[in-house]
Amino acid sequence: MNGLINGAAAMKLTLLLVASLLVIVSLLLISPATIVGQEQGPAAVGERLAADTLETTVLGNPFVAPKDWSIRVKGPATILEAPEGGSWIALVDLQAKTADEALKAAWQAYRPEATWPVKVTNYLPDRDGWSRRRSYDYLTSPNEKRGVGAVVYYSGSSWTVIINDMADAVAEKRGGQVALVFGRLLPKGYSRESFAGKKSNKLDEARIAELGRFIERGERETGVPGVSLGLIQDGKVIFAGGFGAKELDGSEKPDGDTLFMIASNTKALTTLMLAKLVNEHRLTWDTPVTQLFPSFKLGDAETTHSVLVKHLICACTGMPRQDLEWFFEYGKMTPENSLTLLGTMRPTSKFGELFQYSNLMAAAAGYTGAHVLYPQMEVGAGYDGAMHEVRGDGTRRRQASRRNDLYLQRAFAGEAQTPGLDGQGQLVWHGLDGGYDIRSAYSPSRRGHDRVSQRHDLAAGAERGRGGADEWRSRLDNSDAIPAQAARGIVRWTL
């Protein structure tokens, strides 16, 4: 009897081992991609789009799905997947009582296994027919190298939740396409207001006063201490003044001569400088950059020789943004260093394939124009000289430069302040001390972000530029040297 029992036990053990072995073999036969897909997000593959395509969500809200992305529907969710795979945008339509409930239901429909905690949430103003807008930013591990966020919109009687779940590298590369999805998502039946063909009202004292009250209300609600405003009507400056105070807790009022950092608006002035050089026949939009500026170099030789002047400002060369290097090295950055850094960068997409914002390419545009104008000068000094010419009126510029020198002296002493957010998302102000030197954000590279301007500069420049604007518009719009949309943008900004 004991022998029979032992034999049966041995048989059961043998069958158990065989069954376990079969399970192990079946797991090994499953592709790694399938396992990763089950763990990391939606695994199904949708239809791949051959062009930017007008689509609708489940409830009929129109949006544009980008070229080369895949699209599929999963219950209430319309899911877009980037060409690289593993990065998704989900647009989920549903009914709920609150934004939080809508968000919870959207995650259940899109990716119920996700467990990222909410890091911060903010209420957003109504826009494009959407109300009750709220954004959510999630806390991800640095090792994930991933950004996860969501925005909740309301229209009519339903909510639309947009979940952005993308690898950092893909999000940076395809930021323009992501913006296309978010920017073109509208409620069903809604049309954006157009001012085409409409006659504008004349700005009189009453309307200017109403605009001033709006600015003052905005200052109070946003914590902005001061604003300068210039209004141009029929080619003439009809208002130049300021609101609030130059400094937080200060009493001195800004005016039309108050200096402001103008950040990436400098790119428009750089483009204007190039346009004037084209107008003066010093170069063309189709001139290879290496012919004008032999020091220009990218990390890819083929791309380097393909870049024409127009490509410096089109964000279409495939060059990535890649800002962190000069963010962390800004105190040591010079124009020469920034060009050296540009020479190490390689494209992350094909030439002309994607819109990819690049500060260093915009800097190279300024240095190229500077080298054409002042070939014997250091490119940073040459760019400063070129900007003086673009802005005009040397007397006013010299006065402004003296005031700017005083401002920088105060900043270097730690007396100036810069805005920021505290841990609760409230606006606070920090002194520019503690090792931070404002010269690190102003003087080193003269790229697209560190010019200083005043309201009078812009208004006076607009008046001077109006005479030649129609000629530029005609020249640029009727030429294949630069996309007409970009050409019109140059003129619109200067006017």
Foldseek 3Di string as FASTA:
>chain_A
DVVVVVVVVVVVVVVVVVVVVVVVVVVVPDDPLVVCCVVQFPDDWAQAAQAFDWDAFPVGFIATQGHRWGWDDQVQWIWIAHNVGSWIKIKGKDADDAQVVVVQVSCVRGPVVDDFAWQDKDFDCDDQQWHRKMKTWTDDDVVQQWTWIKIWTDHDRMIIMIITTGRNVRCQLAVVSVCRGVVGGHGHPGDDDDCPPPDDDDDDPVNVVVVVVVVQVVCVVQVPQKDWDWDADPLHTPDWAMDGAPAVVDDHTDIQLDKDFPFLVLLLLLVVLVLVCVVVVLFFLFAQLCVQPVLAAALDPVLNRRDGLQNLNQQQSQWAAPPPVCVVVLVVAAQVNLRVVRNNTDGPDHGRPHRHDYQSSSLSSLLSSLCSVPVPDDSLVSSVVSSCVLLDDPVSVVVSVVVVVVVLVCLQVQNHWDWDADSNRDIDIGTCDPPHRCCSVAPHRPISTHDMDGNCSLSVQLSVCPVCLVVQLVVQCPDPSHDSVVSVVSSVSSD
